[in-house]
Every structure is written in C-alpha cells, then in structure tokens.
Amino acid sequence: MDKPQQVYNKKNPMVRIPRESYDKLVEFCNENDLVISATIGRFLEYCLENAEFKEVQTPVEKLFIGDCEV
C-alpha cells in the first residue's frame, strides 16, 4: 500500500538532529555570536558542496563447520 506523500512546511522547514549535535551547534553559535538557523544552513551548504561519500567494502571472514556458522 502506497503512503500519500507528506506535505512539508516550505516556509520554515524542520530537520531533526541528535540532541548532542544540537547542543554543540548552540555552543558554537553562542561563542561566535551567530544565529542558529543561518549557521546550520551554511554548514549544510558547505557539506553538500564539498563532502564526498565513498563506499568501502571490507572482507569479512566467517568460520563454518558444515553448514553452520560458528
């Protein structure tokens, strides 16, 4: 069954982040006299323009006796 697409708040979009990350952001903004929303926007823009994700495959060795994994 397909779910209807959720309608997002276009004027003030929200994103949930872990509390620890938010606390670090608030501390950074307070130390540098910055606005939280503008700062997180700048951080995201920088990350989206400069970050690269590479998939790395790590071989995993498993021990089997017969058909059973030990």
PDB file of N, CA and C in Angstrom:
ATOM      1  N   MET A   1       0.846  -1.176   0.000  1.00  0.00           N
ATOM      2  CA  MET A   1       0.000   0.000   0.000  1.00  0.00           C
ATOM      3  C   MET A   1       0.893   1.241   0.000  1.00  0.00           C
ATOM      4  N   ASP A   2       0.641   2.142  -0.921  1.00  0.00           N
ATOM      5  CA  ASP A   2       1.431   3.367  -1.017  1.00  0.00           C
ATOM      6  C   ASP A   2       0.918   4.402  -0.026  1.00  0.00           C
ATOM      7  N   LYS A   3       1.871   5.043   0.647  1.00  0.00           N
ATOM      8  CA  LYS A   3       1.503   6.121   1.565  1.00  0.00           C
ATOM      9  C   LYS A   3       1.451   7.422   0.782  1.00  0.00           C
ATOM     10  N   PRO A   4       0.495   8.293   1.106  1.00  0.00           N
ATOM     11  CA  PRO A   4       0.483   9.599   0.433  1.00  0.00           C
ATOM     12  C   PRO A   4       1.720  10.398   0.842  1.00  0.00           C
ATOM     13  N   GLN A   5       2.246  11.168  -0.106  1.00  0.00           N
ATOM     14  CA  GLN A   5       3.444  11.953   0.180  1.00  0.00           C
ATOM     15  C   GLN A   5       3.120  13.030   1.201  1.00  0.00           C
ATOM     16  N   GLN A   6       4.004  13.152   2.182  1.00  0.00           N
ATOM     17  CA  GLN A   6       3.803  14.128   3.250  1.00  0.00           C
ATOM     18  C   GLN A   6       4.034  15.542   2.725  1.00  0.00           C
ATOM     19  N   VAL A   7       3.225  16.472   3.179  1.00  0.00           N
ATOM     20  CA  VAL A   7       3.369  17.875   2.808  1.00  0.00           C
ATOM     21  C   VAL A   7       4.307  18.524   3.818  1.00  0.00           C
ATOM     22  N   TYR A   8       5.333  19.186   3.329  1.00  0.00           N
ATOM     23  CA  TYR A   8       6.325  19.804   4.200  1.00  0.00           C
ATOM     24  C   TYR A   8       6.084  21.301   4.324  1.00  0.00           C
ATOM     25  N   ASN A   9       6.492  21.836   5.449  1.00  0.00           N
ATOM     26  CA  ASN A   9       6.397  23.260   5.723  1.00  0.00           C
ATOM     27  C   ASN A   9       7.462  23.963   4.879  1.00  0.00           C
ATOM     28  N   LYS A  10       7.061  24.635   3.821  1.00  0.00           N
ATOM     29  CA  LYS A  10       8.020  25.262   2.911  1.00  0.00           C
ATOM     30  C   LYS A  10       8.628  26.535   3.483  1.00  0.00           C
ATOM     31  N   LYS A  11       7.880  27.239   4.317  1.00  0.00           N
ATOM     32  CA  LYS A  11       8.383  28.498   4.861  1.00  0.00           C
ATOM     33  C   LYS A  11       9.448  28.255   5.925  1.00  0.00           C
ATOM     34  N   ASN A  12       9.185  27.357   6.843  1.00  0.00           N
ATOM     35  CA  ASN A  12      10.122  27.041   7.922  1.00  0.00           C
ATOM     36  C   ASN A  12      10.329  25.530   8.010  1.00  0.00           C
ATOM     37  N   PRO A  13      11.118  24.955   7.100  1.00  0.00           N
ATOM     38  CA  PRO A  13      11.308  23.501   7.130  1.00  0.00           C
ATOM     39  C   PRO A  13      12.041  23.066   8.396  1.00  0.00           C
ATOM     40  N   MET A  14      11.729  21.864   8.868  1.00  0.00           N
ATOM     41  CA  MET A  14      12.359  21.343  10.080  1.00  0.00           C
ATOM     42  C   MET A  14      13.115  20.064   9.766  1.00  0.00           C
ATOM     43  N   VAL A  15      14.225  19.896  10.450  1.00  0.00           N
ATOM     44  CA  VAL A  15      15.015  18.676  10.352  1.00  0.00           C
ATOM     45  C   VAL A  15      15.362  18.261  11.769  1.00  0.00           C
ATOM     46  N   ARG A  16      15.195  16.994  12.069  1.00  0.00           N
ATOM     47  CA  ARG A  16      15.540  16.511  13.406  1.00  0.00           C
ATOM     48  C   ARG A  16      17.000  16.099  13.418  1.00  0.00           C
ATOM     49  N   ILE A  17      17.705  16.521  14.464  1.00  0.00           N
ATOM     50  CA  ILE A  17      19.103  16.139  14.631  1.00  0.00           C
ATOM     51  C   ILE A  17      19.284  15.621  16.053  1.00  0.00           C
ATOM     52  N   PRO A  18      20.313  14.816  16.266  1.00  0.00           N
ATOM     53  CA  PRO A  18      20.555  14.308  17.621  1.00  0.00           C
ATOM     54  C   PRO A  18      20.802  15.455  18.600  1.00  0.00           C
ATOM     55  N   ARG A  19      20.371  15.267  19.828  1.00  0.00           N
ATOM     56  CA  ARG A  19      20.494  16.296  20.865  1.00  0.00           C
ATOM     57  C   ARG A  19      21.948  16.719  21.047  1.00  0.00           C
ATOM     58  N   GLU A  20      22.862  15.771  21.026  1.00  0.00           N
ATOM     59  CA  GLU A  20      24.282  16.085  21.212  1.00  0.00           C
ATOM     60  C   GLU A  20      24.780  17.036  20.114  1.00  0.00           C
ATOM     61  N   SER A  21      24.372  16.792  18.881  1.00  0.00           N
ATOM     62  CA  SER A  21      24.767  17.664  17.771  1.00  0.00           C
ATOM     63  C   SER A  21      24.171  19.055  17.937  1.00  0.00           C
ATOM     64  N   TYR A  22      22.909  19.109  18.348  1.00  0.00           N
ATOM     65  CA  TYR A  22      22.249  20.397  18.560  1.00  0.00           C
ATOM     66  C   TYR A  22      22.948  21.191  19.657  1.00  0.00           C
ATOM     67  N   ASP A  23      23.295  20.519  20.749  1.00  0.00           N
ATOM     68  CA  ASP A  23      23.974  21.200  21.854  1.00  0.00           C
ATOM     69  C   ASP A  23      25.321  21.768  21.414  1.00  0.00           C
ATOM     70  N   LYS A  24      26.050  21.015  20.588  1.00  0.00           N
ATOM     71  CA  LYS A  24      27.337  21.511  20.070  1.00  0.00           C
ATOM     72  C   LYS A  24      27.121  22.722  19.163  1.00  0.00           C
ATOM     73  N   LEU A  25      26.071  22.660  18.349  1.00  0.00           N
ATOM     74  CA  LEU A  25      25.750  23.778  17.461  1.00  0.00           C
ATOM     75  C   LEU A  25      25.413  25.029  18.263  1.00  0.00           C
ATOM     76  N   VAL A  26      24.590  24.878  19.287  1.00  0.00           N
ATOM     77  CA  VAL A  26      24.208  26.015  20.129  1.00  0.00           C
ATOM     78  C   VAL A  26      25.438  26.605  20.810  1.00  0.00           C
ATOM     79  N   GLU A  27      26.302  25.749  21.321  1.00  0.00           N
ATOM     80  CA  GLU A  27      27.528  26.230  21.971  1.00  0.00           C
ATOM     81  C   GLU A  27      28.394  27.011  20.982  1.00  0.00           C
ATOM     82  N   PHE A  28      28.556  26.467  19.765  1.00  0.00           N
ATOM     83  CA  PHE A  28      29.341  27.139  18.730  1.00  0.00           C
ATOM     84  C   PHE A  28      28.733  28.501  18.390  1.00  0.00           C
ATOM     85  N   CYS A  29      27.416  28.538  18.210  1.00  0.00           N
ATOM     86  CA  CYS A  29      26.742  29.792  17.855  1.00  0.00           C
ATOM     87  C   CYS A  29      26.831  30.819  18.975  1.00  0.00           C
ATOM     88  N   ASN A  30      26.692  30.376  20.211  1.00  0.00           N
ATOM     89  CA  ASN A  30      26.791  31.302  21.343  1.00  0.00           C
ATOM     90  C   ASN A  30      28.197  31.880  21.471  1.00  0.00           C
ATOM     91  N   GLU A  31      29.211  31.042  21.277  1.00  0.00           N
ATOM     92  CA  GLU A  31      30.598  31.510  21.384  1.00  0.00           C
ATOM     93  C   GLU A  31      30.942  32.522  20.302  1.00  0.00           C
ATOM     94  N   ASN A  32      30.326  32.376  19.128  1.00  0.00           N
ATOM     95  CA  ASN A  32      30.665  33.226  17.991  1.00  0.00           C
ATOM     96  C   ASN A  32      29.586  34.240  17.640  1.00  0.00           C
ATOM     97  N   ASP A  33      28.590  34.391  18.512  1.00  0.00           N
ATOM     98  CA  ASP A  33      27.506  35.351  18.316  1.00  0.00           C
ATOM     99  C   ASP A  33      26.847  35.178  16.944  1.00  0.00           C
ATOM    100  N   LEU A  34      26.402  33.933  16.659  1.00  0.00           N
ATOM    101  CA  LEU A  34      25.779  33.601  15.384  1.00  0.00           C
ATOM    102  C   LEU A  34      24.339  33.148  15.598  1.00  0.00           C
ATOM    103  N   VAL A  35      23.537  33.231  14.541  1.00  0.00           N
ATOM    104  CA  VAL A  35      22.153  32.765  14.564  1.00  0.00           C
ATOM    105  C   VAL A  35      22.152  31.281  14.196  1.00  0.00           C
ATOM    106  N   ILE A  36      21.454  30.466  14.987  1.00  0.00           N
ATOM    107  CA  ILE A  36      21.475  29.013  14.793  1.00  0.00           C
ATOM    108  C   ILE A  36      20.990  28.615  13.399  1.00  0.00           C
ATOM    109  N   SER A  37      19.850  29.124  12.970  1.00  0.00           N
ATOM    110  CA  SER A  37      19.281  28.706  11.683  1.00  0.00           C
ATOM    111  C   SER A  37      20.192  29.074  10.510  1.00  0.00           C
ATOM    112  N   ALA A  38      20.769  30.261  10.547  1.00  0.00           N
ATOM    113  CA  ALA A  38      21.671  30.676   9.470  1.00  0.00           C
ATOM    114  C   ALA A  38      22.945  29.843   9.482  1.00  0.00           C
ATOM    115  N   THR A  39      23.436  29.531  10.666  1.00  0.00           N
ATOM    116  CA  THR A  39      24.680  28.773  10.790  1.00  0.00           C
ATOM    117  C   THR A  39      24.499  27.346  10.298  1.00  0.00           C
ATOM    118  N   ILE A  40      23.422  26.690  10.696  1.00  0.00           N
ATOM    119  CA  ILE A  40      23.205  25.316  10.250  1.00  0.00           C
ATOM    120  C   ILE A  40      22.991  25.281   8.741  1.00  0.00           C
ATOM    121  N   GLY A  41      22.347  26.303   8.197  1.00  0.00           N
ATOM    122  CA  GLY A  41      22.178  26.395   6.749  1.00  0.00           C
ATOM    123  C   GLY A  41      23.513  26.501   6.035  1.00  0.00           C
ATOM    124  N   ARG A  42      24.410  27.316   6.573  1.00  0.00           N
ATOM    125  CA  ARG A  42      25.738  27.469   5.965  1.00  0.00           C
ATOM    126  C   ARG A  42      26.539  26.179   6.074  1.00  0.00           C
ATOM    127  N   PHE A  43      26.453  25.517   7.244  1.00  0.00           N
ATOM    128  CA  PHE A  43      27.147  24.239   7.428  1.00  0.00           C
ATOM    129  C   PHE A  43      26.656  23.203   6.417  1.00  0.00           C
ATOM    130  N   LEU A  44      25.336  23.127   6.241  1.00  0.00           N
ATOM    131  CA  LEU A  44      24.777  22.155   5.305  1.00  0.00           C
ATOM    132  C   LEU A  44      25.182  22.456   3.868  1.00  0.00           C
ATOM    133  N   GLU A  45      25.121  23.717   3.477  1.00  0.00           N
ATOM    134  CA  GLU A  45      25.526  24.093   2.120  1.00  0.00           C
ATOM    135  C   GLU A  45      26.981  23.715   1.859  1.00  0.00           C
ATOM    136  N   TYR A  46      27.852  24.006   2.826  1.00  0.00           N
ATOM    137  CA  TYR A  46      29.265  23.672   2.674  1.00  0.00           C
ATOM    138  C   TYR A  46      29.444  22.162   2.533  1.00  0.00           C
ATOM    139  N   CYS A  47      28.777  21.418   3.382  1.00  0.00           N
ATOM    140  CA  CYS A  47      28.886  19.964   3.363  1.00  0.00           C
ATOM    141  C   CYS A  47      28.382  19.395   2.038  1.00  0.00           C
ATOM    142  N   LEU A  48      27.233  19.868   1.576  1.00  0.00           N
ATOM    143  CA  LEU A  48      26.665  19.362   0.331  1.00  0.00           C
ATOM    144  C   LEU A  48      27.543  19.674  -0.873  1.00  0.00           C
ATOM    145  N   GLU A  49      28.261  20.780  -0.830  1.00  0.00           N
ATOM    146  CA  GLU A  49      29.124  21.153  -1.944  1.00  0.00           C
ATOM    147  C   GLU A  49      30.493  20.481  -1.882  1.00  0.00           C
ATOM    148  N   ASN A  50      30.951  20.096  -0.688  1.00  0.00           N
ATOM    149  CA  ASN A  50      32.330  19.633  -0.547  1.00  0.00           C
ATOM    150  C   ASN A  50      32.512  18.194  -0.068  1.00  0.00           C
ATOM    151  N   ALA A  51      31.492  17.588   0.475  1.00  0.00           N
ATOM    152  CA  ALA A  51      31.651  16.232   1.016  1.00  0.00           C
ATOM    153  C   ALA A  51      31.540  15.193  -0.091  1.00  0.00           C
ATOM    154  N   GLU A  52      32.335  14.152   0.037  1.00  0.00           N
ATOM    155  CA  GLU A  52      32.265  13.016  -0.873  1.00  0.00           C
ATOM    156  C   GLU A  52      32.075  11.760  -0.044  1.00  0.00           C
ATOM    157  N   PHE A  53      31.184  10.912  -0.491  1.00  0.00           N
ATOM    158  CA  PHE A  53      30.971   9.644   0.185  1.00  0.00           C
ATOM    159  C   PHE A  53      31.483   8.542  -0.722  1.00  0.00           C
ATOM    160  N   LYS A  54      32.314   7.700  -0.161  1.00  0.00           N
ATOM    161  CA  LYS A  54      32.859   6.587  -0.921  1.00  0.00           C
ATOM    162  C   LYS A  54      32.465   5.287  -0.232  1.00  0.00           C
ATOM    163  N   GLU A  55      32.021   4.345  -1.037  1.00  0.00           N
ATOM    164  CA  GLU A  55      31.647   3.047  -0.491  1.00  0.00           C
ATOM    165  C   GLU A  55      32.902   2.191  -0.381  1.00  0.00           C
ATOM    166  N   VAL A  56      33.112   1.646   0.795  1.00  0.00           N
ATOM    167  CA  VAL A  56      34.272   0.801   1.041  1.00  0.00           C
ATOM    168  C   VAL A  56      33.763  -0.559   1.470  1.00  0.00           C
ATOM    169  N   GLN A  57      34.247  -1.587   0.799  1.00  0.00           N
ATOM    170  CA  GLN A  57      33.842  -2.937   1.164  1.00  0.00           C
ATOM    171  C   GLN A  57      34.961  -3.584   1.958  1.00  0.00           C
ATOM    172  N   THR A  58      34.599  -4.108   3.113  1.00  0.00           N
ATOM    173  CA  THR A  58      35.559  -4.764   3.983  1.00  0.00           C
ATOM    174  C   THR A  58      35.282  -6.259   3.967  1.00  0.00           C
ATOM    175  N   PRO A  59      36.278  -7.060   3.582  1.00  0.00           N
ATOM    176  CA  PRO A  59      36.048  -8.509   3.589  1.00  0.00           C
ATOM    177  C   PRO A  59      35.857  -9.015   5.015  1.00  0.00           C
ATOM    178  N   VAL A  60      34.923  -9.923   5.169  1.00  0.00           N
ATOM    179  CA  VAL A  60      34.622 -10.487   6.481  1.00  0.00           C
ATOM    180  C   VAL A  60      34.890 -11.982   6.424  1.00  0.00           C
ATOM    181  N   GLU A  61      35.673 -12.444   7.368  1.00  0.00           N
ATOM    182  CA  GLU A  61      35.945 -13.874   7.438  1.00  0.00           C
ATOM    183  C   GLU A  61      35.024 -14.493   8.471  1.00  0.00           C
ATOM    184  N   LYS A  62      34.383 -15.597   8.087  1.00  0.00           N
ATOM    185  CA  LYS A  62      33.495 -16.316   8.990  1.00  0.00           C
ATOM    186  C   LYS A  62      33.921 -17.775   9.018  1.00  0.00           C
ATOM    187  N   LEU A  63      33.778 -18.384  10.165  1.00  0.00           N
ATOM    188  CA  LEU A  63      34.141 -19.783  10.337  1.00  0.00           C
ATOM    189  C   LEU A  63      32.889 -20.642  10.242  1.00  0.00           C
ATOM    190  N   PHE A  64      32.919 -21.632   9.352  1.00  0.00           N
ATOM    191  CA  PHE A  64      31.805 -22.554   9.181  1.00  0.00           C
ATOM    192  C   PHE A  64      32.268 -23.974   9.456  1.00  0.00           C
ATOM    193  N   ILE A  65      31.428 -24.711  10.117  1.00  0.00           N
ATOM    194  CA  ILE A  65      31.618 -26.152  10.266  1.00  0.00           C
ATOM    195  C   ILE A  65      30.388 -26.780   9.634  1.00  0.00           C
ATOM    196  N   GLY A  66      30.597 -27.437   8.498  1.00  0.00           N
ATOM    197  CA  GLY A  66      29.453 -27.917   7.721  1.00  0.00           C
ATOM    198  C   GLY A  66      28.708 -26.713   7.183  1.00  0.00           C
ATOM    199  N   ASP A  67      27.420 -26.650   7.438  1.00  0.00           N
ATOM    200  CA  ASP A  67      26.595 -25.513   7.006  1.00  0.00           C
ATOM    201  C   ASP A  67      26.343 -24.518   8.125  1.00  0.00           C
ATOM    202  N   CYS A  68      26.935 -24.751   9.295  1.00  0.00           N
ATOM    203  CA  CYS A  68      26.676 -23.902  10.459  1.00  0.00           C
ATOM    204  C   CYS A  68      27.807 -22.905  10.678  1.00  0.00           C
ATOM    205  N   GLU A  69      27.431 -21.658  10.857  1.00  0.00           N
ATOM    206  CA  GLU A  69      28.415 -20.621  11.175  1.00  0.00           C
ATOM    207  C   GLU A  69      28.737 -20.693  12.657  1.00  0.00           C
ATOM    208  N   VAL A  70      30.030 -20.666  12.971  1.00  0.00           N
ATOM    209  CA  VAL A  70      30.467 -20.748  14.371  1.00  0.00           C
ATOM    210  C   VAL A  70      30.767 -19.366  14.889  1.00  0.00           C
TER     211      VAL A  70
END
